[in-house]
Each structure stands twice: as structure tokens, then as C-alpha cells.
PDBML (XML) file of the C-alpha atoms, coordinates in Angstrom:
<?xml version="1.0" encoding="UTF-8" ?>
<PDBx:datablock datablockName="MODEL"
   xmlns:PDBx="http://pdbml.pdb.org/schema/pdbx-v50.xsd"
   xmlns:xsi="http://www.w3.org/2001/XMLSchema-instance"
   xsi:schemaLocation="http://pdbml.pdb.org/schema/pdbx-v50.xsd pdbx-v50.xsd">
   <PDBx:atom_siteCategory>
      <PDBx:atom_site id="1">
         <PDBx:B_iso_or_equiv>0.00</PDBx:B_iso_or_equiv>
         <PDBx:Cartn_x>-2.990</PDBx:Cartn_x>
         <PDBx:Cartn_y>-12.248</PDBx:Cartn_y>
         <PDBx:Cartn_z>11.741</PDBx:Cartn_z>
         <PDBx:auth_asym_id>A</PDBx:auth_asym_id>
         <PDBx:auth_atom_id>CA</PDBx:auth_atom_id>
         <PDBx:auth_comp_id>GLU</PDBx:auth_comp_id>
         <PDBx:auth_seq_id>1</PDBx:auth_seq_id>
         <PDBx:group_PDB>ATOM</PDBx:group_PDB>
         <PDBx:label_alt_id xsi:nil="true" />
         <PDBx:label_asym_id>A</PDBx:label_asym_id>
         <PDBx:label_atom_id>CA</PDBx:label_atom_id>
         <PDBx:label_comp_id>GLU</PDBx:label_comp_id>
         <PDBx:label_entity_id>1</PDBx:label_entity_id>
         <PDBx:label_seq_id>1</PDBx:label_seq_id>
         <PDBx:occupancy>1.00</PDBx:occupancy>
         <PDBx:pdbx_PDB_model_num>1</PDBx:pdbx_PDB_model_num>
         <PDBx:type_symbol>C</PDBx:type_symbol>
      </PDBx:atom_site>
      <PDBx:atom_site id="2">
         <PDBx:B_iso_or_equiv>0.00</PDBx:B_iso_or_equiv>
         <PDBx:Cartn_x>0.049</PDBx:Cartn_x>
         <PDBx:Cartn_y>-10.410</PDBx:Cartn_y>
         <PDBx:Cartn_z>13.161</PDBx:Cartn_z>
         <PDBx:auth_asym_id>A</PDBx:auth_asym_id>
         <PDBx:auth_atom_id>CA</PDBx:auth_atom_id>
         <PDBx:auth_comp_id>ALA</PDBx:auth_comp_id>
         <PDBx:auth_seq_id>2</PDBx:auth_seq_id>
         <PDBx:group_PDB>ATOM</PDBx:group_PDB>
         <PDBx:label_alt_id xsi:nil="true" />
         <PDBx:label_asym_id>A</PDBx:label_asym_id>
         <PDBx:label_atom_id>CA</PDBx:label_atom_id>
         <PDBx:label_comp_id>ALA</PDBx:label_comp_id>
         <PDBx:label_entity_id>1</PDBx:label_entity_id>
         <PDBx:label_seq_id>2</PDBx:label_seq_id>
         <PDBx:occupancy>1.00</PDBx:occupancy>
         <PDBx:pdbx_PDB_model_num>1</PDBx:pdbx_PDB_model_num>
         <PDBx:type_symbol>C</PDBx:type_symbol>
      </PDBx:atom_site>
      <PDBx:atom_site id="3">
         <PDBx:B_iso_or_equiv>0.00</PDBx:B_iso_or_equiv>
         <PDBx:Cartn_x>2.182</PDBx:Cartn_x>
         <PDBx:Cartn_y>-11.295</PDBx:Cartn_y>
         <PDBx:Cartn_z>10.275</PDBx:Cartn_z>
         <PDBx:auth_asym_id>A</PDBx:auth_asym_id>
         <PDBx:auth_atom_id>CA</PDBx:auth_atom_id>
         <PDBx:auth_comp_id>TYR</PDBx:auth_comp_id>
         <PDBx:auth_seq_id>3</PDBx:auth_seq_id>
         <PDBx:group_PDB>ATOM</PDBx:group_PDB>
         <PDBx:label_alt_id xsi:nil="true" />
         <PDBx:label_asym_id>A</PDBx:label_asym_id>
         <PDBx:label_atom_id>CA</PDBx:label_atom_id>
         <PDBx:label_comp_id>TYR</PDBx:label_comp_id>
         <PDBx:label_entity_id>1</PDBx:label_entity_id>
         <PDBx:label_seq_id>3</PDBx:label_seq_id>
         <PDBx:occupancy>1.00</PDBx:occupancy>
         <PDBx:pdbx_PDB_model_num>1</PDBx:pdbx_PDB_model_num>
         <PDBx:type_symbol>C</PDBx:type_symbol>
      </PDBx:atom_site>
      <PDBx:atom_site id="4">
         <PDBx:B_iso_or_equiv>0.00</PDBx:B_iso_or_equiv>
         <PDBx:Cartn_x>-0.549</PDBx:Cartn_x>
         <PDBx:Cartn_y>-10.132</PDBx:Cartn_y>
         <PDBx:Cartn_z>7.911</PDBx:Cartn_z>
         <PDBx:auth_asym_id>A</PDBx:auth_asym_id>
         <PDBx:auth_atom_id>CA</PDBx:auth_atom_id>
         <PDBx:auth_comp_id>ARG</PDBx:auth_comp_id>
         <PDBx:auth_seq_id>4</PDBx:auth_seq_id>
         <PDBx:group_PDB>ATOM</PDBx:group_PDB>
         <PDBx:label_alt_id xsi:nil="true" />
         <PDBx:label_asym_id>A</PDBx:label_asym_id>
         <PDBx:label_atom_id>CA</PDBx:label_atom_id>
         <PDBx:label_comp_id>ARG</PDBx:label_comp_id>
         <PDBx:label_entity_id>1</PDBx:label_entity_id>
         <PDBx:label_seq_id>4</PDBx:label_seq_id>
         <PDBx:occupancy>1.00</PDBx:occupancy>
         <PDBx:pdbx_PDB_model_num>1</PDBx:pdbx_PDB_model_num>
         <PDBx:type_symbol>C</PDBx:type_symbol>
      </PDBx:atom_site>
      <PDBx:atom_site id="5">
         <PDBx:B_iso_or_equiv>0.00</PDBx:B_iso_or_equiv>
         <PDBx:Cartn_x>-0.954</PDBx:Cartn_x>
         <PDBx:Cartn_y>-6.851</PDBx:Cartn_y>
         <PDBx:Cartn_z>9.518</PDBx:Cartn_z>
         <PDBx:auth_asym_id>A</PDBx:auth_asym_id>
         <PDBx:auth_atom_id>CA</PDBx:auth_atom_id>
         <PDBx:auth_comp_id>ALA</PDBx:auth_comp_id>
         <PDBx:auth_seq_id>5</PDBx:auth_seq_id>
         <PDBx:group_PDB>ATOM</PDBx:group_PDB>
         <PDBx:label_alt_id xsi:nil="true" />
         <PDBx:label_asym_id>A</PDBx:label_asym_id>
         <PDBx:label_atom_id>CA</PDBx:label_atom_id>
         <PDBx:label_comp_id>ALA</PDBx:label_comp_id>
         <PDBx:label_entity_id>1</PDBx:label_entity_id>
         <PDBx:label_seq_id>5</PDBx:label_seq_id>
         <PDBx:occupancy>1.00</PDBx:occupancy>
         <PDBx:pdbx_PDB_model_num>1</PDBx:pdbx_PDB_model_num>
         <PDBx:type_symbol>C</PDBx:type_symbol>
      </PDBx:atom_site>
      <PDBx:atom_site id="6">
         <PDBx:B_iso_or_equiv>0.00</PDBx:B_iso_or_equiv>
         <PDBx:Cartn_x>2.858</PDBx:Cartn_x>
         <PDBx:Cartn_y>-5.932</PDBx:Cartn_y>
         <PDBx:Cartn_z>8.946</PDBx:Cartn_z>
         <PDBx:auth_asym_id>A</PDBx:auth_asym_id>
         <PDBx:auth_atom_id>CA</PDBx:auth_atom_id>
         <PDBx:auth_comp_id>ARG</PDBx:auth_comp_id>
         <PDBx:auth_seq_id>6</PDBx:auth_seq_id>
         <PDBx:group_PDB>ATOM</PDBx:group_PDB>
         <PDBx:label_alt_id xsi:nil="true" />
         <PDBx:label_asym_id>A</PDBx:label_asym_id>
         <PDBx:label_atom_id>CA</PDBx:label_atom_id>
         <PDBx:label_comp_id>ARG</PDBx:label_comp_id>
         <PDBx:label_entity_id>1</PDBx:label_entity_id>
         <PDBx:label_seq_id>6</PDBx:label_seq_id>
         <PDBx:occupancy>1.00</PDBx:occupancy>
         <PDBx:pdbx_PDB_model_num>1</PDBx:pdbx_PDB_model_num>
         <PDBx:type_symbol>C</PDBx:type_symbol>
      </PDBx:atom_site>
      <PDBx:atom_site id="7">
         <PDBx:B_iso_or_equiv>0.00</PDBx:B_iso_or_equiv>
         <PDBx:Cartn_x>3.993</PDBx:Cartn_x>
         <PDBx:Cartn_y>-7.633</PDBx:Cartn_y>
         <PDBx:Cartn_z>5.917</PDBx:Cartn_z>
         <PDBx:auth_asym_id>A</PDBx:auth_asym_id>
         <PDBx:auth_atom_id>CA</PDBx:auth_atom_id>
         <PDBx:auth_comp_id>VAL</PDBx:auth_comp_id>
         <PDBx:auth_seq_id>7</PDBx:auth_seq_id>
         <PDBx:group_PDB>ATOM</PDBx:group_PDB>
         <PDBx:label_alt_id xsi:nil="true" />
         <PDBx:label_asym_id>A</PDBx:label_asym_id>
         <PDBx:label_atom_id>CA</PDBx:label_atom_id>
         <PDBx:label_comp_id>VAL</PDBx:label_comp_id>
         <PDBx:label_entity_id>1</PDBx:label_entity_id>
         <PDBx:label_seq_id>7</PDBx:label_seq_id>
         <PDBx:occupancy>1.00</PDBx:occupancy>
         <PDBx:pdbx_PDB_model_num>1</PDBx:pdbx_PDB_model_num>
         <PDBx:type_symbol>C</PDBx:type_symbol>
      </PDBx:atom_site>
      <PDBx:atom_site id="8">
         <PDBx:B_iso_or_equiv>0.00</PDBx:B_iso_or_equiv>
         <PDBx:Cartn_x>2.493</PDBx:Cartn_x>
         <PDBx:Cartn_y>-5.570</PDBx:Cartn_y>
         <PDBx:Cartn_z>3.082</PDBx:Cartn_z>
         <PDBx:auth_asym_id>A</PDBx:auth_asym_id>
         <PDBx:auth_atom_id>CA</PDBx:auth_atom_id>
         <PDBx:auth_comp_id>GLN</PDBx:auth_comp_id>
         <PDBx:auth_seq_id>8</PDBx:auth_seq_id>
         <PDBx:group_PDB>ATOM</PDBx:group_PDB>
         <PDBx:label_alt_id xsi:nil="true" />
         <PDBx:label_asym_id>A</PDBx:label_asym_id>
         <PDBx:label_atom_id>CA</PDBx:label_atom_id>
         <PDBx:label_comp_id>GLN</PDBx:label_comp_id>
         <PDBx:label_entity_id>1</PDBx:label_entity_id>
         <PDBx:label_seq_id>8</PDBx:label_seq_id>
         <PDBx:occupancy>1.00</PDBx:occupancy>
         <PDBx:pdbx_PDB_model_num>1</PDBx:pdbx_PDB_model_num>
         <PDBx:type_symbol>C</PDBx:type_symbol>
      </PDBx:atom_site>
      <PDBx:atom_site id="9">
         <PDBx:B_iso_or_equiv>0.00</PDBx:B_iso_or_equiv>
         <PDBx:Cartn_x>4.573</PDBx:Cartn_x>
         <PDBx:Cartn_y>-2.469</PDBx:Cartn_y>
         <PDBx:Cartn_z>4.383</PDBx:Cartn_z>
         <PDBx:auth_asym_id>A</PDBx:auth_asym_id>
         <PDBx:auth_atom_id>CA</PDBx:auth_atom_id>
         <PDBx:auth_comp_id>GLN</PDBx:auth_comp_id>
         <PDBx:auth_seq_id>9</PDBx:auth_seq_id>
         <PDBx:group_PDB>ATOM</PDBx:group_PDB>
         <PDBx:label_alt_id xsi:nil="true" />
         <PDBx:label_asym_id>A</PDBx:label_asym_id>
         <PDBx:label_atom_id>CA</PDBx:label_atom_id>
         <PDBx:label_comp_id>GLN</PDBx:label_comp_id>
         <PDBx:label_entity_id>1</PDBx:label_entity_id>
         <PDBx:label_seq_id>9</PDBx:label_seq_id>
         <PDBx:occupancy>1.00</PDBx:occupancy>
         <PDBx:pdbx_PDB_model_num>1</PDBx:pdbx_PDB_model_num>
         <PDBx:type_symbol>C</PDBx:type_symbol>
      </PDBx:atom_site>
      <PDBx:atom_site id="10">
         <PDBx:B_iso_or_equiv>0.00</PDBx:B_iso_or_equiv>
         <PDBx:Cartn_x>7.686</PDBx:Cartn_x>
         <PDBx:Cartn_y>-4.507</PDBx:Cartn_y>
         <PDBx:Cartn_z>3.950</PDBx:Cartn_z>
         <PDBx:auth_asym_id>A</PDBx:auth_asym_id>
         <PDBx:auth_atom_id>CA</PDBx:auth_atom_id>
         <PDBx:auth_comp_id>THR</PDBx:auth_comp_id>
         <PDBx:auth_seq_id>10</PDBx:auth_seq_id>
         <PDBx:group_PDB>ATOM</PDBx:group_PDB>
         <PDBx:label_alt_id xsi:nil="true" />
         <PDBx:label_asym_id>A</PDBx:label_asym_id>
         <PDBx:label_atom_id>CA</PDBx:label_atom_id>
         <PDBx:label_comp_id>THR</PDBx:label_comp_id>
         <PDBx:label_entity_id>1</PDBx:label_entity_id>
         <PDBx:label_seq_id>10</PDBx:label_seq_id>
         <PDBx:occupancy>1.00</PDBx:occupancy>
         <PDBx:pdbx_PDB_model_num>1</PDBx:pdbx_PDB_model_num>
         <PDBx:type_symbol>C</PDBx:type_symbol>
      </PDBx:atom_site>
      <PDBx:atom_site id="11">
         <PDBx:B_iso_or_equiv>0.00</PDBx:B_iso_or_equiv>
         <PDBx:Cartn_x>6.729</PDBx:Cartn_x>
         <PDBx:Cartn_y>-5.669</PDBx:Cartn_y>
         <PDBx:Cartn_z>0.498</PDBx:Cartn_z>
         <PDBx:auth_asym_id>A</PDBx:auth_asym_id>
         <PDBx:auth_atom_id>CA</PDBx:auth_atom_id>
         <PDBx:auth_comp_id>ILE</PDBx:auth_comp_id>
         <PDBx:auth_seq_id>11</PDBx:auth_seq_id>
         <PDBx:group_PDB>ATOM</PDBx:group_PDB>
         <PDBx:label_alt_id xsi:nil="true" />
         <PDBx:label_asym_id>A</PDBx:label_asym_id>
         <PDBx:label_atom_id>CA</PDBx:label_atom_id>
         <PDBx:label_comp_id>ILE</PDBx:label_comp_id>
         <PDBx:label_entity_id>1</PDBx:label_entity_id>
         <PDBx:label_seq_id>11</PDBx:label_seq_id>
         <PDBx:occupancy>1.00</PDBx:occupancy>
         <PDBx:pdbx_PDB_model_num>1</PDBx:pdbx_PDB_model_num>
         <PDBx:type_symbol>C</PDBx:type_symbol>
      </PDBx:atom_site>
      <PDBx:atom_site id="12">
         <PDBx:B_iso_or_equiv>0.00</PDBx:B_iso_or_equiv>
         <PDBx:Cartn_x>5.954</PDBx:Cartn_x>
         <PDBx:Cartn_y>-2.213</PDBx:Cartn_y>
         <PDBx:Cartn_z>-0.739</PDBx:Cartn_z>
         <PDBx:auth_asym_id>A</PDBx:auth_asym_id>
         <PDBx:auth_atom_id>CA</PDBx:auth_atom_id>
         <PDBx:auth_comp_id>ALA</PDBx:auth_comp_id>
         <PDBx:auth_seq_id>12</PDBx:auth_seq_id>
         <PDBx:group_PDB>ATOM</PDBx:group_PDB>
         <PDBx:label_alt_id xsi:nil="true" />
         <PDBx:label_asym_id>A</PDBx:label_asym_id>
         <PDBx:label_atom_id>CA</PDBx:label_atom_id>
         <PDBx:label_comp_id>ALA</PDBx:label_comp_id>
         <PDBx:label_entity_id>1</PDBx:label_entity_id>
         <PDBx:label_seq_id>12</PDBx:label_seq_id>
         <PDBx:occupancy>1.00</PDBx:occupancy>
         <PDBx:pdbx_PDB_model_num>1</PDBx:pdbx_PDB_model_num>
         <PDBx:type_symbol>C</PDBx:type_symbol>
      </PDBx:atom_site>
      <PDBx:atom_site id="13">
         <PDBx:B_iso_or_equiv>0.00</PDBx:B_iso_or_equiv>
         <PDBx:Cartn_x>9.172</PDBx:Cartn_x>
         <PDBx:Cartn_y>-0.832</PDBx:Cartn_y>
         <PDBx:Cartn_z>0.783</PDBx:Cartn_z>
         <PDBx:auth_asym_id>A</PDBx:auth_asym_id>
         <PDBx:auth_atom_id>CA</PDBx:auth_atom_id>
         <PDBx:auth_comp_id>GLN</PDBx:auth_comp_id>
         <PDBx:auth_seq_id>13</PDBx:auth_seq_id>
         <PDBx:group_PDB>ATOM</PDBx:group_PDB>
         <PDBx:label_alt_id xsi:nil="true" />
         <PDBx:label_asym_id>A</PDBx:label_asym_id>
         <PDBx:label_atom_id>CA</PDBx:label_atom_id>
         <PDBx:label_comp_id>GLN</PDBx:label_comp_id>
         <PDBx:label_entity_id>1</PDBx:label_entity_id>
         <PDBx:label_seq_id>13</PDBx:label_seq_id>
         <PDBx:occupancy>1.00</PDBx:occupancy>
         <PDBx:pdbx_PDB_model_num>1</PDBx:pdbx_PDB_model_num>
         <PDBx:type_symbol>C</PDBx:type_symbol>
      </PDBx:atom_site>
      <PDBx:atom_site id="14">
         <PDBx:B_iso_or_equiv>0.00</PDBx:B_iso_or_equiv>
         <PDBx:Cartn_x>11.203</PDBx:Cartn_x>
         <PDBx:Cartn_y>-3.019</PDBx:Cartn_y>
         <PDBx:Cartn_z>-1.528</PDBx:Cartn_z>
         <PDBx:auth_asym_id>A</PDBx:auth_asym_id>
         <PDBx:auth_atom_id>CA</PDBx:auth_atom_id>
         <PDBx:auth_comp_id>TYR</PDBx:auth_comp_id>
         <PDBx:auth_seq_id>14</PDBx:auth_seq_id>
         <PDBx:group_PDB>ATOM</PDBx:group_PDB>
         <PDBx:label_alt_id xsi:nil="true" />
         <PDBx:label_asym_id>A</PDBx:label_asym_id>
         <PDBx:label_atom_id>CA</PDBx:label_atom_id>
         <PDBx:label_comp_id>TYR</PDBx:label_comp_id>
         <PDBx:label_entity_id>1</PDBx:label_entity_id>
         <PDBx:label_seq_id>14</PDBx:label_seq_id>
         <PDBx:occupancy>1.00</PDBx:occupancy>
         <PDBx:pdbx_PDB_model_num>1</PDBx:pdbx_PDB_model_num>
         <PDBx:type_symbol>C</PDBx:type_symbol>
      </PDBx:atom_site>
      <PDBx:atom_site id="15">
         <PDBx:B_iso_or_equiv>0.00</PDBx:B_iso_or_equiv>
         <PDBx:Cartn_x>9.128</PDBx:Cartn_x>
         <PDBx:Cartn_y>-2.279</PDBx:Cartn_y>
         <PDBx:Cartn_z>-4.725</PDBx:Cartn_z>
         <PDBx:auth_asym_id>A</PDBx:auth_asym_id>
         <PDBx:auth_atom_id>CA</PDBx:auth_atom_id>
         <PDBx:auth_comp_id>GLY</PDBx:auth_comp_id>
         <PDBx:auth_seq_id>15</PDBx:auth_seq_id>
         <PDBx:group_PDB>ATOM</PDBx:group_PDB>
         <PDBx:label_alt_id xsi:nil="true" />
         <PDBx:label_asym_id>A</PDBx:label_asym_id>
         <PDBx:label_atom_id>CA</PDBx:label_atom_id>
         <PDBx:label_comp_id>GLY</PDBx:label_comp_id>
         <PDBx:label_entity_id>1</PDBx:label_entity_id>
         <PDBx:label_seq_id>15</PDBx:label_seq_id>
         <PDBx:occupancy>1.00</PDBx:occupancy>
         <PDBx:pdbx_PDB_model_num>1</PDBx:pdbx_PDB_model_num>
         <PDBx:type_symbol>C</PDBx:type_symbol>
      </PDBx:atom_site>
      <PDBx:atom_site id="16">
         <PDBx:B_iso_or_equiv>0.00</PDBx:B_iso_or_equiv>
         <PDBx:Cartn_x>6.951</PDBx:Cartn_x>
         <PDBx:Cartn_y>-5.311</PDBx:Cartn_y>
         <PDBx:Cartn_z>-4.473</PDBx:Cartn_z>
         <PDBx:auth_asym_id>A</PDBx:auth_asym_id>
         <PDBx:auth_atom_id>CA</PDBx:auth_atom_id>
         <PDBx:auth_comp_id>GLY</PDBx:auth_comp_id>
         <PDBx:auth_seq_id>16</PDBx:auth_seq_id>
         <PDBx:group_PDB>ATOM</PDBx:group_PDB>
         <PDBx:label_alt_id xsi:nil="true" />
         <PDBx:label_asym_id>A</PDBx:label_asym_id>
         <PDBx:label_atom_id>CA</PDBx:label_atom_id>
         <PDBx:label_comp_id>GLY</PDBx:label_comp_id>
         <PDBx:label_entity_id>1</PDBx:label_entity_id>
         <PDBx:label_seq_id>16</PDBx:label_seq_id>
         <PDBx:occupancy>1.00</PDBx:occupancy>
         <PDBx:pdbx_PDB_model_num>1</PDBx:pdbx_PDB_model_num>
         <PDBx:type_symbol>C</PDBx:type_symbol>
      </PDBx:atom_site>
      <PDBx:atom_site id="17">
         <PDBx:B_iso_or_equiv>0.00</PDBx:B_iso_or_equiv>
         <PDBx:Cartn_x>3.191</PDBx:Cartn_x>
         <PDBx:Cartn_y>-5.760</PDBx:Cartn_y>
         <PDBx:Cartn_z>-4.735</PDBx:Cartn_z>
         <PDBx:auth_asym_id>A</PDBx:auth_asym_id>
         <PDBx:auth_atom_id>CA</PDBx:auth_atom_id>
         <PDBx:auth_comp_id>GLU</PDBx:auth_comp_id>
         <PDBx:auth_seq_id>17</PDBx:auth_seq_id>
         <PDBx:group_PDB>ATOM</PDBx:group_PDB>
         <PDBx:label_alt_id xsi:nil="true" />
         <PDBx:label_asym_id>A</PDBx:label_asym_id>
         <PDBx:label_atom_id>CA</PDBx:label_atom_id>
         <PDBx:label_comp_id>GLU</PDBx:label_comp_id>
         <PDBx:label_entity_id>1</PDBx:label_entity_id>
         <PDBx:label_seq_id>17</PDBx:label_seq_id>
         <PDBx:occupancy>1.00</PDBx:occupancy>
         <PDBx:pdbx_PDB_model_num>1</PDBx:pdbx_PDB_model_num>
         <PDBx:type_symbol>C</PDBx:type_symbol>
      </PDBx:atom_site>
      <PDBx:atom_site id="18">
         <PDBx:B_iso_or_equiv>0.00</PDBx:B_iso_or_equiv>
         <PDBx:Cartn_x>0.729</PDBx:Cartn_x>
         <PDBx:Cartn_y>-8.575</PDBx:Cartn_y>
         <PDBx:Cartn_z>-4.415</PDBx:Cartn_z>
         <PDBx:auth_asym_id>A</PDBx:auth_asym_id>
         <PDBx:auth_atom_id>CA</PDBx:auth_atom_id>
         <PDBx:auth_comp_id>TYR</PDBx:auth_comp_id>
         <PDBx:auth_seq_id>18</PDBx:auth_seq_id>
         <PDBx:group_PDB>ATOM</PDBx:group_PDB>
         <PDBx:label_alt_id xsi:nil="true" />
         <PDBx:label_asym_id>A</PDBx:label_asym_id>
         <PDBx:label_atom_id>CA</PDBx:label_atom_id>
         <PDBx:label_comp_id>TYR</PDBx:label_comp_id>
         <PDBx:label_entity_id>1</PDBx:label_entity_id>
         <PDBx:label_seq_id>18</PDBx:label_seq_id>
         <PDBx:occupancy>1.00</PDBx:occupancy>
         <PDBx:pdbx_PDB_model_num>1</PDBx:pdbx_PDB_model_num>
         <PDBx:type_symbol>C</PDBx:type_symbol>
      </PDBx:atom_site>
      <PDBx:atom_site id="19">
         <PDBx:B_iso_or_equiv>0.00</PDBx:B_iso_or_equiv>
         <PDBx:Cartn_x>-0.733</PDBx:Cartn_x>
         <PDBx:Cartn_y>-10.194</PDBx:Cartn_y>
         <PDBx:Cartn_z>-7.682</PDBx:Cartn_z>
         <PDBx:auth_asym_id>A</PDBx:auth_asym_id>
         <PDBx:auth_atom_id>CA</PDBx:auth_atom_id>
         <PDBx:auth_comp_id>LEU</PDBx:auth_comp_id>
         <PDBx:auth_seq_id>19</PDBx:auth_seq_id>
         <PDBx:group_PDB>ATOM</PDBx:group_PDB>
         <PDBx:label_alt_id xsi:nil="true" />
         <PDBx:label_asym_id>A</PDBx:label_asym_id>
         <PDBx:label_atom_id>CA</PDBx:label_atom_id>
         <PDBx:label_comp_id>LEU</PDBx:label_comp_id>
         <PDBx:label_entity_id>1</PDBx:label_entity_id>
         <PDBx:label_seq_id>19</PDBx:label_seq_id>
         <PDBx:occupancy>1.00</PDBx:occupancy>
         <PDBx:pdbx_PDB_model_num>1</PDBx:pdbx_PDB_model_num>
         <PDBx:type_symbol>C</PDBx:type_symbol>
      </PDBx:atom_site>
      <PDBx:atom_site id="20">
         <PDBx:B_iso_or_equiv>0.00</PDBx:B_iso_or_equiv>
         <PDBx:Cartn_x>-2.570</PDBx:Cartn_x>
         <PDBx:Cartn_y>-12.994</PDBx:Cartn_y>
         <PDBx:Cartn_z>-5.818</PDBx:Cartn_z>
         <PDBx:auth_asym_id>A</PDBx:auth_asym_id>
         <PDBx:auth_atom_id>CA</PDBx:auth_atom_id>
         <PDBx:auth_comp_id>VAL</PDBx:auth_comp_id>
         <PDBx:auth_seq_id>20</PDBx:auth_seq_id>
         <PDBx:group_PDB>ATOM</PDBx:group_PDB>
         <PDBx:label_alt_id xsi:nil="true" />
         <PDBx:label_asym_id>A</PDBx:label_asym_id>
         <PDBx:label_atom_id>CA</PDBx:label_atom_id>
         <PDBx:label_comp_id>VAL</PDBx:label_comp_id>
         <PDBx:label_entity_id>1</PDBx:label_entity_id>
         <PDBx:label_seq_id>20</PDBx:label_seq_id>
         <PDBx:occupancy>1.00</PDBx:occupancy>
         <PDBx:pdbx_PDB_model_num>1</PDBx:pdbx_PDB_model_num>
         <PDBx:type_symbol>C</PDBx:type_symbol>
      </PDBx:atom_site>
      <PDBx:atom_site id="21">
         <PDBx:B_iso_or_equiv>0.00</PDBx:B_iso_or_equiv>
         <PDBx:Cartn_x>-3.581</PDBx:Cartn_x>
         <PDBx:Cartn_y>-13.260</PDBx:Cartn_y>
         <PDBx:Cartn_z>-2.240</PDBx:Cartn_z>
         <PDBx:auth_asym_id>A</PDBx:auth_asym_id>
         <PDBx:auth_atom_id>CA</PDBx:auth_atom_id>
         <PDBx:auth_comp_id>ARG</PDBx:auth_comp_id>
         <PDBx:auth_seq_id>21</PDBx:auth_seq_id>
         <PDBx:group_PDB>ATOM</PDBx:group_PDB>
         <PDBx:label_alt_id xsi:nil="true" />
         <PDBx:label_asym_id>A</PDBx:label_asym_id>
         <PDBx:label_atom_id>CA</PDBx:label_atom_id>
         <PDBx:label_comp_id>ARG</PDBx:label_comp_id>
         <PDBx:label_entity_id>1</PDBx:label_entity_id>
         <PDBx:label_seq_id>21</PDBx:label_seq_id>
         <PDBx:occupancy>1.00</PDBx:occupancy>
         <PDBx:pdbx_PDB_model_num>1</PDBx:pdbx_PDB_model_num>
         <PDBx:type_symbol>C</PDBx:type_symbol>
      </PDBx:atom_site>
      <PDBx:atom_site id="22">
         <PDBx:B_iso_or_equiv>0.00</PDBx:B_iso_or_equiv>
         <PDBx:Cartn_x>-5.708</PDBx:Cartn_x>
         <PDBx:Cartn_y>-16.373</PDBx:Cartn_y>
         <PDBx:Cartn_z>-1.739</PDBx:Cartn_z>
         <PDBx:auth_asym_id>A</PDBx:auth_asym_id>
         <PDBx:auth_atom_id>CA</PDBx:auth_atom_id>
         <PDBx:auth_comp_id>GLY</PDBx:auth_comp_id>
         <PDBx:auth_seq_id>22</PDBx:auth_seq_id>
         <PDBx:group_PDB>ATOM</PDBx:group_PDB>
         <PDBx:label_alt_id xsi:nil="true" />
         <PDBx:label_asym_id>A</PDBx:label_asym_id>
         <PDBx:label_atom_id>CA</PDBx:label_atom_id>
         <PDBx:label_comp_id>GLY</PDBx:label_comp_id>
         <PDBx:label_entity_id>1</PDBx:label_entity_id>
         <PDBx:label_seq_id>22</PDBx:label_seq_id>
         <PDBx:occupancy>1.00</PDBx:occupancy>
         <PDBx:pdbx_PDB_model_num>1</PDBx:pdbx_PDB_model_num>
         <PDBx:type_symbol>C</PDBx:type_symbol>
      </PDBx:atom_site>
      <PDBx:atom_site id="23">
         <PDBx:B_iso_or_equiv>0.00</PDBx:B_iso_or_equiv>
         <PDBx:Cartn_x>-8.835</PDBx:Cartn_x>
         <PDBx:Cartn_y>-16.795</PDBx:Cartn_y>
         <PDBx:Cartn_z>-3.942</PDBx:Cartn_z>
         <PDBx:auth_asym_id>A</PDBx:auth_asym_id>
         <PDBx:auth_atom_id>CA</PDBx:auth_atom_id>
         <PDBx:auth_comp_id>GLY</PDBx:auth_comp_id>
         <PDBx:auth_seq_id>23</PDBx:auth_seq_id>
         <PDBx:group_PDB>ATOM</PDBx:group_PDB>
         <PDBx:label_alt_id xsi:nil="true" />
         <PDBx:label_asym_id>A</PDBx:label_asym_id>
         <PDBx:label_atom_id>CA</PDBx:label_atom_id>
         <PDBx:label_comp_id>GLY</PDBx:label_comp_id>
         <PDBx:label_entity_id>1</PDBx:label_entity_id>
         <PDBx:label_seq_id>23</PDBx:label_seq_id>
         <PDBx:occupancy>1.00</PDBx:occupancy>
         <PDBx:pdbx_PDB_model_num>1</PDBx:pdbx_PDB_model_num>
         <PDBx:type_symbol>C</PDBx:type_symbol>
      </PDBx:atom_site>
      <PDBx:atom_site id="24">
         <PDBx:B_iso_or_equiv>0.00</PDBx:B_iso_or_equiv>
         <PDBx:Cartn_x>-10.379</PDBx:Cartn_x>
         <PDBx:Cartn_y>-19.677</PDBx:Cartn_y>
         <PDBx:Cartn_z>-5.745</PDBx:Cartn_z>
         <PDBx:auth_asym_id>A</PDBx:auth_asym_id>
         <PDBx:auth_atom_id>CA</PDBx:auth_atom_id>
         <PDBx:auth_comp_id>ASN</PDBx:auth_comp_id>
         <PDBx:auth_seq_id>24</PDBx:auth_seq_id>
         <PDBx:group_PDB>ATOM</PDBx:group_PDB>
         <PDBx:label_alt_id xsi:nil="true" />
         <PDBx:label_asym_id>A</PDBx:label_asym_id>
         <PDBx:label_atom_id>CA</PDBx:label_atom_id>
         <PDBx:label_comp_id>ASN</PDBx:label_comp_id>
         <PDBx:label_entity_id>1</PDBx:label_entity_id>
         <PDBx:label_seq_id>24</PDBx:label_seq_id>
         <PDBx:occupancy>1.00</PDBx:occupancy>
         <PDBx:pdbx_PDB_model_num>1</PDBx:pdbx_PDB_model_num>
         <PDBx:type_symbol>C</PDBx:type_symbol>
      </PDBx:atom_site>
      <PDBx:atom_site id="25">
         <PDBx:B_iso_or_equiv>0.00</PDBx:B_iso_or_equiv>
         <PDBx:Cartn_x>-8.276</PDBx:Cartn_x>
         <PDBx:Cartn_y>-21.716</PDBx:Cartn_y>
         <PDBx:Cartn_z>-8.167</PDBx:Cartn_z>
         <PDBx:auth_asym_id>A</PDBx:auth_asym_id>
         <PDBx:auth_atom_id>CA</PDBx:auth_atom_id>
         <PDBx:auth_comp_id>PHE</PDBx:auth_comp_id>
         <PDBx:auth_seq_id>25</PDBx:auth_seq_id>
         <PDBx:group_PDB>ATOM</PDBx:group_PDB>
         <PDBx:label_alt_id xsi:nil="true" />
         <PDBx:label_asym_id>A</PDBx:label_asym_id>
         <PDBx:label_atom_id>CA</PDBx:label_atom_id>
         <PDBx:label_comp_id>PHE</PDBx:label_comp_id>
         <PDBx:label_entity_id>1</PDBx:label_entity_id>
         <PDBx:label_seq_id>25</PDBx:label_seq_id>
         <PDBx:occupancy>1.00</PDBx:occupancy>
         <PDBx:pdbx_PDB_model_num>1</PDBx:pdbx_PDB_model_num>
         <PDBx:type_symbol>C</PDBx:type_symbol>
      </PDBx:atom_site>
   </PDBx:atom_siteCategory>
</PDBx:datablock>
């Protein structure tokens, strides 16, 4: 939970974005 609270900001900072974040498969 601590990781998830901080990781998205680092991804965006380097031009990245989520395409999939869990979900059914």
C-alpha cells in the first residue's frame, strides 16, 4: 500500500502510464 501510494507519480514523471492494473483475465 505504501508502494502503490507513491509509484504512480514516478511513472508519470518519466512519461509512463498504466495500461493494465490488475483486473480479470
